[in-house]
Amino acid sequence: MEPGRPKKAEITLSEQEHADLQVLAHSGSLPHSVVRRAQMILMSAQGHSNTAIAQHFDLTLPSVSHWRKRYLSQGIAGLYDVARPGRPRSHDDDQIATLLNKVLKDKPKRATHWSTRLAGEETGISKSTVQRYLDLFGVQPHRSKSFKLSTDPIFGEKLRAIVDLYLTHPDKALVLCVDERSQI
């Protein structure tokens, strides 16, 4: 036991609580703040004083005291941040799901892919908000990872003519290929 001001309430952990805190304290994927708070609670349960914990983590005494109180009143859920005050979201989960489904599964009228402006007009969400949601979820509707077959009605005939030109090319012939789309 370390010297220091006596604590109002000792933290005693059950085996399950100890195991759960160990998982949080050694996590590589959780936010660092949650990992550090779990480590603080484990140290507190081992009998370390708030002063020693504050020095170990380079924190203030009120900060250590705050997270101890939160753990005592709320358990592990108390180690996570609460929602911050501010403007509430303008769009609920259903509206965002509708936007993402439309962009990923449907094709826009008179266009080859969804732009933020088109998706905004279709869903009633501003184009800047559409862009934020697409960035947040990593959706890039303008990029396709699959082959798109032409919708040209005489595409088959054109394809056969080009393949035939390469397979049975005439002597002293020059083949030029020009496409109006620069990325192809």
N, C-alpha and C. Protein backbone atom coordinates (compact mmCIF):
# COMPACT_ATOMS: atom_id res chain seq x y z
N MET A 1 0.84 -1.18 0.00
CA MET A 1 0.00 0.00 0.00
C MET A 1 0.88 1.24 0.00
N GLU A 2 0.55 2.18 -0.84
CA GLU A 2 1.35 3.39 -0.96
C GLU A 2 0.75 4.51 -0.13
N PRO A 3 1.60 5.44 0.32
CA PRO A 3 1.06 6.56 1.09
C PRO A 3 0.23 7.48 0.20
N GLY A 4 -0.62 8.23 0.80
CA GLY A 4 -1.45 9.16 0.07
C GLY A 4 -2.75 9.36 0.82
N ARG A 5 -3.55 10.20 0.30
CA ARG A 5 -4.84 10.46 0.92
C ARG A 5 -5.70 9.20 0.85
N PRO A 6 -6.41 8.86 1.91
CA PRO A 6 -7.24 7.65 1.83
C PRO A 6 -8.35 7.83 0.79
N LYS A 7 -8.62 6.75 0.06
CA LYS A 7 -9.65 6.80 -0.97
C LYS A 7 -11.01 6.59 -0.32
N LYS A 8 -12.01 7.26 -0.87
CA LYS A 8 -13.37 7.13 -0.32
C LYS A 8 -13.89 5.72 -0.58
N ALA A 9 -13.53 5.14 -1.70
CA ALA A 9 -14.00 3.78 -2.02
C ALA A 9 -12.87 3.04 -2.72
N GLU A 10 -12.58 1.87 -2.22
CA GLU A 10 -11.57 1.02 -2.84
C GLU A 10 -12.18 0.33 -4.06
N ILE A 11 -11.35 0.09 -5.04
CA ILE A 11 -11.80 -0.66 -6.21
C ILE A 11 -11.38 -2.11 -6.01
N THR A 12 -12.36 -2.97 -5.93
CA THR A 12 -12.10 -4.41 -5.88
C THR A 12 -12.74 -5.02 -7.11
N LEU A 13 -11.98 -5.88 -7.74
CA LEU A 13 -12.42 -6.46 -9.01
C LEU A 13 -12.71 -7.95 -8.86
N SER A 14 -13.78 -8.39 -9.52
CA SER A 14 -14.02 -9.82 -9.62
C SER A 14 -13.07 -10.37 -10.68
N GLU A 15 -13.01 -11.68 -10.79
CA GLU A 15 -12.12 -12.28 -11.80
C GLU A 15 -12.54 -11.85 -13.20
N GLN A 16 -13.85 -11.81 -13.44
CA GLN A 16 -14.35 -11.42 -14.77
C GLN A 16 -14.03 -9.95 -15.06
N GLU A 17 -14.24 -9.08 -14.09
CA GLU A 17 -13.93 -7.66 -14.28
C GLU A 17 -12.43 -7.47 -14.54
N HIS A 18 -11.62 -8.21 -13.79
CA HIS A 18 -10.17 -8.12 -13.98
C HIS A 18 -9.79 -8.58 -15.39
N ALA A 19 -10.38 -9.68 -15.84
CA ALA A 19 -10.09 -10.20 -17.19
C ALA A 19 -10.54 -9.21 -18.25
N ASP A 20 -11.72 -8.62 -18.07
CA ASP A 20 -12.23 -7.65 -19.05
C ASP A 20 -11.33 -6.42 -19.12
N LEU A 21 -10.89 -5.94 -17.95
CA LEU A 21 -9.99 -4.77 -17.92
C LEU A 21 -8.64 -5.11 -18.53
N GLN A 22 -8.16 -6.33 -18.33
CA GLN A 22 -6.88 -6.74 -18.93
C GLN A 22 -6.99 -6.69 -20.46
N VAL A 23 -8.13 -7.15 -21.00
CA VAL A 23 -8.33 -7.12 -22.45
C VAL A 23 -8.29 -5.68 -22.95
N LEU A 24 -8.99 -4.79 -22.25
CA LEU A 24 -8.98 -3.38 -22.65
C LEU A 24 -7.58 -2.78 -22.52
N ALA A 25 -6.89 -3.10 -21.43
CA ALA A 25 -5.59 -2.49 -21.15
C ALA A 25 -4.52 -2.93 -22.14
N HIS A 26 -4.70 -4.06 -22.80
CA HIS A 26 -3.69 -4.55 -23.74
C HIS A 26 -4.17 -4.50 -25.20
N SER A 27 -5.27 -3.79 -25.43
CA SER A 27 -5.82 -3.72 -26.78
C SER A 27 -4.96 -2.83 -27.67
N GLY A 28 -4.79 -3.27 -28.90
CA GLY A 28 -4.07 -2.47 -29.88
C GLY A 28 -5.00 -1.73 -30.81
N SER A 29 -6.31 -1.99 -30.71
CA SER A 29 -7.25 -1.38 -31.64
C SER A 29 -8.16 -0.34 -30.98
N LEU A 30 -8.28 -0.38 -29.67
CA LEU A 30 -9.13 0.61 -28.99
C LEU A 30 -8.41 1.96 -28.92
N PRO A 31 -9.17 3.03 -28.70
CA PRO A 31 -8.53 4.33 -28.52
C PRO A 31 -7.57 4.29 -27.32
N HIS A 32 -6.48 5.01 -27.44
CA HIS A 32 -5.47 5.03 -26.39
C HIS A 32 -6.05 5.49 -25.05
N SER A 33 -6.98 6.42 -25.10
CA SER A 33 -7.56 6.93 -23.87
C SER A 33 -8.27 5.83 -23.09
N VAL A 34 -9.00 4.95 -23.77
CA VAL A 34 -9.70 3.85 -23.10
C VAL A 34 -8.70 2.85 -22.53
N VAL A 35 -7.66 2.55 -23.30
CA VAL A 35 -6.61 1.63 -22.83
C VAL A 35 -5.97 2.18 -21.56
N ARG A 36 -5.62 3.45 -21.57
CA ARG A 36 -4.96 4.07 -20.41
C ARG A 36 -5.89 4.08 -19.21
N ARG A 37 -7.17 4.33 -19.41
CA ARG A 37 -8.12 4.34 -18.29
C ARG A 37 -8.25 2.95 -17.67
N ALA A 38 -8.26 1.92 -18.52
CA ALA A 38 -8.32 0.55 -18.00
C ALA A 38 -7.06 0.24 -17.20
N GLN A 39 -5.92 0.69 -17.67
CA GLN A 39 -4.67 0.48 -16.94
C GLN A 39 -4.70 1.22 -15.61
N MET A 40 -5.30 2.41 -15.58
CA MET A 40 -5.41 3.17 -14.34
C MET A 40 -6.27 2.42 -13.32
N ILE A 41 -7.37 1.84 -13.76
CA ILE A 41 -8.26 1.11 -12.85
C ILE A 41 -7.56 -0.13 -12.33
N LEU A 42 -6.82 -0.82 -13.20
CA LEU A 42 -6.08 -2.00 -12.75
C LEU A 42 -5.04 -1.61 -11.69
N MET A 43 -4.34 -0.52 -11.91
CA MET A 43 -3.36 -0.07 -10.92
C MET A 43 -4.05 0.30 -9.61
N SER A 44 -5.20 0.94 -9.71
CA SER A 44 -5.94 1.33 -8.52
C SER A 44 -6.40 0.09 -7.75
N ALA A 45 -6.84 -0.93 -8.46
CA ALA A 45 -7.28 -2.17 -7.81
C ALA A 45 -6.11 -2.89 -7.13
N GLN A 46 -4.90 -2.66 -7.61
CA GLN A 46 -3.72 -3.27 -7.01
C GLN A 46 -3.27 -2.51 -5.76
N GLY A 47 -3.93 -1.39 -5.47
CA GLY A 47 -3.62 -0.66 -4.26
C GLY A 47 -2.76 0.57 -4.46
N HIS A 48 -2.46 0.94 -5.69
CA HIS A 48 -1.65 2.14 -5.93
C HIS A 48 -2.47 3.38 -5.61
N SER A 49 -1.81 4.40 -5.10
CA SER A 49 -2.49 5.65 -4.77
C SER A 49 -2.77 6.45 -6.04
N ASN A 50 -3.71 7.38 -5.91
CA ASN A 50 -4.02 8.26 -7.04
C ASN A 50 -2.79 9.06 -7.46
N THR A 51 -1.97 9.44 -6.47
CA THR A 51 -0.75 10.21 -6.77
C THR A 51 0.21 9.38 -7.61
N ALA A 52 0.40 8.12 -7.23
CA ALA A 52 1.30 7.24 -7.99
C ALA A 52 0.77 7.00 -9.40
N ILE A 53 -0.53 6.81 -9.51
CA ILE A 53 -1.13 6.59 -10.83
C ILE A 53 -0.99 7.84 -11.69
N ALA A 54 -1.23 9.00 -11.10
CA ALA A 54 -1.10 10.27 -11.84
C ALA A 54 0.33 10.46 -12.32
N GLN A 55 1.31 10.15 -11.47
CA GLN A 55 2.71 10.29 -11.87
C GLN A 55 3.06 9.29 -12.97
N HIS A 56 2.57 8.06 -12.83
CA HIS A 56 2.87 7.02 -13.81
C HIS A 56 2.36 7.39 -15.20
N PHE A 57 1.17 7.95 -15.27
CA PHE A 57 0.56 8.28 -16.57
C PHE A 57 0.71 9.74 -16.95
N ASP A 58 1.44 10.52 -16.12
CA ASP A 58 1.64 11.94 -16.36
C ASP A 58 0.29 12.66 -16.49
N LEU A 59 -0.57 12.42 -15.49
CA LEU A 59 -1.90 13.03 -15.44
C LEU A 59 -2.03 13.85 -14.17
N THR A 60 -3.14 14.57 -14.06
CA THR A 60 -3.42 15.32 -12.84
C THR A 60 -4.20 14.43 -11.88
N LEU A 61 -4.14 14.76 -10.60
CA LEU A 61 -4.90 14.02 -9.59
C LEU A 61 -6.41 14.07 -9.85
N PRO A 62 -6.98 15.23 -10.19
CA PRO A 62 -8.42 15.25 -10.48
C PRO A 62 -8.81 14.33 -11.64
N SER A 63 -7.93 14.18 -12.61
CA SER A 63 -8.23 13.30 -13.74
C SER A 63 -8.30 11.84 -13.29
N VAL A 64 -7.33 11.41 -12.49
CA VAL A 64 -7.34 10.04 -11.98
C VAL A 64 -8.57 9.82 -11.12
N SER A 65 -8.86 10.77 -10.26
CA SER A 65 -10.03 10.68 -9.38
C SER A 65 -11.32 10.59 -10.19
N HIS A 66 -11.41 11.39 -11.24
CA HIS A 66 -12.60 11.39 -12.11
C HIS A 66 -12.85 10.01 -12.70
N TRP A 67 -11.80 9.37 -13.25
CA TRP A 67 -12.00 8.08 -13.90
C TRP A 67 -12.24 6.96 -12.90
N ARG A 68 -11.69 7.08 -11.69
CA ARG A 68 -12.00 6.11 -10.64
C ARG A 68 -13.48 6.20 -10.28
N LYS A 69 -13.98 7.42 -10.10
CA LYS A 69 -15.39 7.62 -9.76
C LYS A 69 -16.30 7.10 -10.88
N ARG A 70 -15.91 7.40 -12.11
CA ARG A 70 -16.72 6.92 -13.25
C ARG A 70 -16.77 5.41 -13.28
N TYR A 71 -15.63 4.75 -13.01
CA TYR A 71 -15.61 3.29 -13.02
C TYR A 71 -16.46 2.74 -11.88
N LEU A 72 -16.36 3.35 -10.70
CA LEU A 72 -17.14 2.87 -9.55
C LEU A 72 -18.64 3.02 -9.78
N SER A 73 -19.05 4.07 -10.47
CA SER A 73 -20.49 4.29 -10.68
C SER A 73 -21.04 3.58 -11.92
N GLN A 74 -20.22 3.41 -12.97
CA GLN A 74 -20.74 2.88 -14.23
C GLN A 74 -20.08 1.60 -14.70
N GLY A 75 -19.02 1.19 -14.06
CA GLY A 75 -18.30 -0.01 -14.51
C GLY A 75 -17.47 0.29 -15.75
N ILE A 76 -17.25 -0.74 -16.57
CA ILE A 76 -16.40 -0.59 -17.75
C ILE A 76 -16.97 0.43 -18.73
N ALA A 77 -18.29 0.52 -18.81
CA ALA A 77 -18.90 1.50 -19.72
C ALA A 77 -18.49 2.92 -19.36
N GLY A 78 -18.17 3.17 -18.09
CA GLY A 78 -17.76 4.49 -17.66
C GLY A 78 -16.39 4.91 -18.16
N LEU A 79 -15.61 3.96 -18.69
CA LEU A 79 -14.27 4.29 -19.19
C LEU A 79 -14.31 4.91 -20.59
N TYR A 80 -15.44 4.80 -21.25
CA TYR A 80 -15.59 5.37 -22.59
C TYR A 80 -16.09 6.80 -22.48
N ASP A 81 -15.76 7.61 -23.47
CA ASP A 81 -16.20 9.01 -23.49
C ASP A 81 -17.70 9.09 -23.70
N VAL A 82 -18.30 10.08 -23.09
CA VAL A 82 -19.72 10.34 -23.32
C VAL A 82 -19.85 11.25 -24.52
N ALA A 83 -21.03 11.28 -25.10
CA ALA A 83 -21.26 12.14 -26.27
C ALA A 83 -21.07 13.60 -25.87
N ARG A 84 -20.42 14.32 -26.72
CA ARG A 84 -20.15 15.73 -26.45
C ARG A 84 -21.37 16.57 -26.82
N PRO A 85 -21.55 17.68 -26.14
CA PRO A 85 -22.66 18.56 -26.52
C PRO A 85 -22.38 19.21 -27.87
N GLY A 86 -23.40 19.56 -28.54
CA GLY A 86 -23.24 20.21 -29.84
C GLY A 86 -24.49 20.04 -30.65
N ARG A 87 -24.40 20.44 -31.86
CA ARG A 87 -25.54 20.36 -32.76
C ARG A 87 -25.87 18.91 -33.04
N PRO A 88 -27.13 18.52 -32.94
CA PRO A 88 -27.49 17.13 -33.24
C PRO A 88 -27.36 16.83 -34.73
N ARG A 89 -27.24 15.57 -35.05
CA ARG A 89 -27.13 15.17 -36.46
C ARG A 89 -28.38 15.58 -37.23
N SER A 90 -28.19 15.99 -38.46
CA SER A 90 -29.32 16.40 -39.30
C SER A 90 -29.98 15.21 -39.98
N HIS A 91 -29.23 14.14 -40.15
CA HIS A 91 -29.74 12.99 -40.89
C HIS A 91 -29.64 11.75 -40.01
N ASP A 92 -30.73 10.99 -39.95
CA ASP A 92 -30.72 9.78 -39.12
C ASP A 92 -30.10 8.61 -39.88
N ASP A 93 -29.97 7.49 -39.21
CA ASP A 93 -29.32 6.32 -39.80
C ASP A 93 -30.04 5.81 -41.05
N ASP A 94 -31.37 5.92 -41.06
CA ASP A 94 -32.12 5.45 -42.24
C ASP A 94 -31.81 6.29 -43.47
N GLN A 95 -31.68 7.60 -43.31
CA GLN A 95 -31.36 8.47 -44.44
C GLN A 95 -29.95 8.17 -44.97
N ILE A 96 -29.03 7.92 -44.07
CA ILE A 96 -27.66 7.61 -44.49
C ILE A 96 -27.63 6.26 -45.19
N ALA A 97 -28.37 5.29 -44.66
CA ALA A 97 -28.43 3.96 -45.29
C ALA A 97 -29.06 4.06 -46.68
N THR A 98 -30.09 4.89 -46.81
CA THR A 98 -30.73 5.08 -48.12
C THR A 98 -29.73 5.68 -49.12
N LEU A 99 -28.98 6.67 -48.67
CA LEU A 99 -27.97 7.29 -49.53
C LEU A 99 -26.94 6.25 -49.98
N LEU A 100 -26.40 5.48 -49.05
CA LEU A 100 -25.37 4.51 -49.39
C LEU A 100 -25.92 3.41 -50.30
N ASN A 101 -27.13 2.93 -50.03
CA ASN A 101 -27.73 1.90 -50.89
C ASN A 101 -27.94 2.42 -52.30
N LYS A 102 -28.41 3.65 -52.40
CA LYS A 102 -28.66 4.23 -53.72
C LYS A 102 -27.36 4.35 -54.51
N VAL A 103 -26.32 4.86 -53.87
CA VAL A 103 -25.05 5.08 -54.55
C VAL A 103 -24.38 3.75 -54.92
N LEU A 104 -24.52 2.76 -54.06
CA LEU A 104 -23.83 1.49 -54.30
C LEU A 104 -24.61 0.53 -55.20
N LYS A 105 -25.95 0.60 -55.19
CA LYS A 105 -26.73 -0.42 -55.88
C LYS A 105 -27.48 0.08 -57.11
N ASP A 106 -27.83 1.36 -57.14
CA ASP A 106 -28.60 1.88 -58.27
C ASP A 106 -27.69 2.65 -59.22
N LYS A 107 -28.20 2.85 -60.42
CA LYS A 107 -27.48 3.66 -61.41
C LYS A 107 -28.32 4.91 -61.66
N PRO A 108 -27.68 6.08 -61.71
CA PRO A 108 -28.46 7.31 -61.90
C PRO A 108 -29.02 7.40 -63.32
N LYS A 109 -30.10 8.16 -63.44
CA LYS A 109 -30.67 8.40 -64.76
C LYS A 109 -29.76 9.35 -65.52
N ARG A 110 -29.53 9.10 -66.77
CA ARG A 110 -28.74 9.96 -67.66
C ARG A 110 -27.30 10.16 -67.19
N ALA A 111 -26.72 9.18 -66.49
CA ALA A 111 -25.31 9.31 -66.06
C ALA A 111 -24.73 7.91 -65.89
N THR A 112 -23.41 7.82 -65.93
CA THR A 112 -22.76 6.51 -65.80
C THR A 112 -22.50 6.15 -64.34
N HIS A 113 -22.37 7.14 -63.47
CA HIS A 113 -22.12 6.88 -62.05
C HIS A 113 -22.64 8.05 -61.23
N TRP A 114 -22.72 7.85 -59.93
CA TRP A 114 -23.23 8.89 -59.04
C TRP A 114 -22.15 9.93 -58.74
N SER A 115 -22.52 11.16 -58.83
CA SER A 115 -21.68 12.25 -58.34
C SER A 115 -22.29 12.72 -57.02
N THR A 116 -21.55 13.49 -56.26
CA THR A 116 -22.11 13.97 -55.00
C THR A 116 -23.32 14.87 -55.25
N ARG A 117 -23.26 15.64 -56.32
CA ARG A 117 -24.38 16.53 -56.64
C ARG A 117 -25.63 15.73 -57.02
N LEU A 118 -25.46 14.70 -57.86
CA LEU A 118 -26.61 13.87 -58.25
C LEU A 118 -27.19 13.12 -57.06
N ALA A 119 -26.31 12.55 -56.23
CA ALA A 119 -26.78 11.81 -55.06
C ALA A 119 -27.49 12.74 -54.08
N GLY A 120 -27.00 13.97 -53.96
CA GLY A 120 -27.65 14.94 -53.09
C GLY A 120 -29.03 15.32 -53.58
N GLU A 121 -29.15 15.55 -54.88
CA GLU A 121 -30.45 15.89 -55.46
C GLU A 121 -31.45 14.75 -55.28
N GLU A 122 -30.98 13.53 -55.45
CA GLU A 122 -31.85 12.35 -55.38
C GLU A 122 -32.32 12.07 -53.95
N THR A 123 -31.45 12.30 -52.96
CA THR A 123 -31.78 11.94 -51.57
C THR A 123 -32.21 13.12 -50.72
N GLY A 124 -32.02 14.35 -51.22
CA GLY A 124 -32.40 15.51 -50.43
C GLY A 124 -31.35 15.90 -49.40
N ILE A 125 -30.14 15.38 -49.54
CA ILE A 125 -29.04 15.71 -48.64
C ILE A 125 -28.09 16.63 -49.40
N SER A 126 -27.54 17.62 -48.74
CA SER A 126 -26.66 18.56 -49.44
C SER A 126 -25.43 17.83 -49.99
N LYS A 127 -24.88 18.37 -51.08
CA LYS A 127 -23.75 17.70 -51.73
C LYS A 127 -22.52 17.62 -50.83
N SER A 128 -22.31 18.64 -49.99
CA SER A 128 -21.16 18.59 -49.08
C SER A 128 -21.34 17.52 -48.01
N THR A 129 -22.58 17.34 -47.54
CA THR A 129 -22.86 16.29 -46.56
C THR A 129 -22.74 14.92 -47.21
N VAL A 130 -23.21 14.79 -48.45
CA VAL A 130 -23.05 13.53 -49.19
C VAL A 130 -21.56 13.20 -49.29
N GLN A 131 -20.74 14.18 -49.62
CA GLN A 131 -19.30 13.95 -49.75
C GLN A 131 -18.70 13.50 -48.42
N ARG A 132 -19.14 14.11 -47.32
CA ARG A 132 -18.63 13.71 -46.00
C ARG A 132 -18.99 12.26 -45.68
N TYR A 133 -20.23 11.87 -45.98
CA TYR A 133 -20.64 10.49 -45.71
C TYR A 133 -19.91 9.51 -46.62
N LEU A 134 -19.73 9.85 -47.88
CA LEU A 134 -19.01 8.95 -48.78
C LEU A 134 -17.56 8.79 -48.32
N ASP A 135 -16.93 9.88 -47.89
CA ASP A 135 -15.56 9.79 -47.37
C ASP A 135 -15.51 8.97 -46.09
N LEU A 136 -16.49 9.20 -45.20
CA LEU A 136 -16.53 8.50 -43.92
C LEU A 136 -16.61 6.99 -44.12
N PHE A 137 -17.43 6.55 -45.08
CA PHE A 137 -17.60 5.12 -45.31
C PHE A 137 -16.69 4.56 -46.40
N GLY A 138 -15.84 5.41 -46.98
CA GLY A 138 -14.89 4.95 -47.98
C GLY A 138 -15.54 4.54 -49.29
N VAL A 139 -16.67 5.14 -49.61
CA VAL A 139 -17.40 4.80 -50.83
C VAL A 139 -16.93 5.72 -51.95
N GLN A 140 -16.56 5.12 -53.08
CA GLN A 140 -16.13 5.88 -54.25
C GLN A 140 -16.90 5.37 -55.46
N PRO A 141 -18.11 5.93 -55.69
CA PRO A 141 -18.94 5.40 -56.76
C PRO A 141 -18.38 5.63 -58.16
N HIS A 142 -17.44 6.55 -58.30
CA HIS A 142 -16.87 6.82 -59.61
C HIS A 142 -15.80 5.81 -59.98
N ARG A 143 -15.39 4.98 -59.02
CA ARG A 143 -14.39 3.95 -59.30
C ARG A 143 -15.07 2.61 -59.37
N SER A 144 -14.77 1.89 -60.41
CA SER A 144 -15.39 0.58 -60.59
C SER A 144 -14.30 -0.47 -60.60
N LYS A 145 -14.54 -1.59 -59.90
CA LYS A 145 -13.56 -2.66 -59.86
C LYS A 145 -13.96 -3.81 -60.78
N SER A 146 -14.92 -3.59 -61.62
CA SER A 146 -15.36 -4.66 -62.51
C SER A 146 -15.43 -4.12 -63.94
N PHE A 147 -15.43 -5.02 -64.89
CA PHE A 147 -15.50 -4.67 -66.30
C PHE A 147 -16.93 -4.26 -66.64
N LYS A 148 -17.08 -3.18 -67.39
CA LYS A 148 -18.40 -2.74 -67.82
C LYS A 148 -18.51 -2.99 -69.32
N LEU A 149 -19.49 -3.77 -69.68
CA LEU A 149 -19.73 -4.06 -71.09
C LEU A 149 -20.48 -2.90 -71.72
N SER A 150 -20.11 -2.57 -72.92
CA SER A 150 -20.73 -1.44 -73.62
C SER A 150 -22.21 -1.70 -73.86
N THR A 151 -22.98 -0.63 -73.85
CA THR A 151 -24.41 -0.74 -74.13
C THR A 151 -24.71 -0.41 -75.60
N ASP A 152 -23.66 -0.23 -76.39
CA ASP A 152 -23.81 0.07 -77.82
C ASP A 152 -24.48 -1.12 -78.51
N PRO A 153 -25.58 -0.90 -79.26
CA PRO A 153 -26.29 -2.03 -79.89
C PRO A 153 -25.46 -2.78 -80.94
N ILE A 154 -24.48 -2.11 -81.55
CA ILE A 154 -23.66 -2.82 -82.54
C ILE A 154 -22.25 -3.07 -82.00
N PHE A 155 -22.13 -3.17 -80.66
CA PHE A 155 -20.84 -3.40 -80.03
C PHE A 155 -20.22 -4.71 -80.50
N GLY A 156 -21.03 -5.76 -80.61
CA GLY A 156 -20.51 -7.07 -81.04
C GLY A 156 -19.85 -7.00 -82.40
N GLU A 157 -20.48 -6.32 -83.36
CA GLU A 157 -19.93 -6.20 -84.70
C GLU A 157 -18.62 -5.42 -84.68
N LYS A 158 -18.57 -4.33 -83.91
CA LYS A 158 -17.35 -3.54 -83.81
C LYS A 158 -16.22 -4.35 -83.20
N LEU A 159 -16.54 -5.14 -82.17
CA LEU A 159 -15.54 -5.96 -81.50
C LEU A 159 -14.97 -7.00 -82.47
N ARG A 160 -15.85 -7.66 -83.22
CA ARG A 160 -15.38 -8.65 -84.19
C ARG A 160 -14.48 -8.02 -85.25
N ALA A 161 -14.84 -6.82 -85.71
CA ALA A 161 -14.05 -6.14 -86.73
C ALA A 161 -12.65 -5.81 -86.21
N ILE A 162 -12.55 -5.36 -84.99
CA ILE A 162 -11.25 -5.01 -84.41
C ILE A 162 -10.40 -6.26 -84.18
N VAL A 163 -11.02 -7.30 -83.63
CA VAL A 163 -10.27 -8.55 -83.40
C VAL A 163 -9.81 -9.13 -84.73
N ASP A 164 -10.67 -9.09 -85.74
CA ASP A 164 -10.31 -9.60 -87.07
C ASP A 164 -9.16 -8.79 -87.66
N LEU A 165 -9.17 -7.48 -87.43
CA LEU A 165 -8.09 -6.62 -87.92
C LEU A 165 -6.75 -7.03 -87.30
N TYR A 166 -6.73 -7.36 -86.02
CA TYR A 166 -5.50 -7.76 -85.35
C TYR A 166 -5.06 -9.16 -85.75
N LEU A 167 -6.03 -10.07 -85.97
CA LEU A 167 -5.68 -11.45 -86.30
C LEU A 167 -5.27 -11.62 -87.76
N THR A 168 -5.97 -10.94 -88.67
CA THR A 168 -5.65 -11.05 -90.10
C THR A 168 -5.41 -9.65 -90.65
N HIS A 169 -4.32 -9.06 -90.23
CA HIS A 169 -4.04 -7.69 -90.64
C HIS A 169 -3.50 -7.65 -92.08
N PRO A 170 -3.94 -6.66 -92.84
CA PRO A 170 -3.46 -6.51 -94.21
C PRO A 170 -2.01 -6.00 -94.22
N ASP A 171 -1.28 -6.29 -95.30
CA ASP A 171 0.10 -5.82 -95.42
C ASP A 171 0.12 -4.30 -95.55
N LYS A 172 1.16 -3.71 -94.98
CA LYS A 172 1.41 -2.27 -95.03
C LYS A 172 0.20 -1.47 -94.51
N ALA A 173 -0.47 -2.01 -93.51
CA ALA A 173 -1.64 -1.31 -92.94
C ALA A 173 -1.22 -0.60 -91.65
N LEU A 174 -1.86 0.50 -91.38
CA LEU A 174 -1.61 1.26 -90.17
C LEU A 174 -2.93 1.33 -89.40
N VAL A 175 -2.88 0.95 -88.13
CA VAL A 175 -4.10 0.97 -87.32
C VAL A 175 -3.95 2.08 -86.27
N LEU A 176 -4.90 2.98 -86.28
CA LEU A 176 -4.94 4.05 -85.29
C LEU A 176 -6.17 3.86 -84.43
N CYS A 177 -5.98 4.00 -83.15
CA CYS A 177 -7.11 3.87 -82.23
C CYS A 177 -7.26 5.18 -81.50
N VAL A 178 -8.44 5.77 -81.60
CA VAL A 178 -8.70 7.04 -80.96
C VAL A 178 -9.97 6.90 -80.11
N ASP A 179 -9.87 7.37 -78.89
CA ASP A 179 -11.03 7.31 -78.01
C ASP A 179 -11.23 8.70 -77.41
N GLU A 180 -12.47 9.10 -77.27
CA GLU A 180 -12.73 10.44 -76.74
C GLU A 180 -12.52 10.54 -75.24
N ARG A 181 -12.34 9.40 -74.56
CA ARG A 181 -12.12 9.42 -73.12
C ARG A 181 -10.63 9.23 -72.84
N SER A 182 -10.03 10.23 -72.26
CA SER A 182 -8.57 10.26 -72.12
C SER A 182 -8.04 9.20 -71.18
N GLN A 183 -8.83 8.71 -70.23
CA GLN A 183 -8.30 7.74 -69.28
C GLN A 183 -8.22 6.33 -69.83
N ILE A 184 -8.72 6.11 -71.02
CA ILE A 184 -8.67 4.75 -71.63
C ILE A 184 -7.50 4.65 -72.57
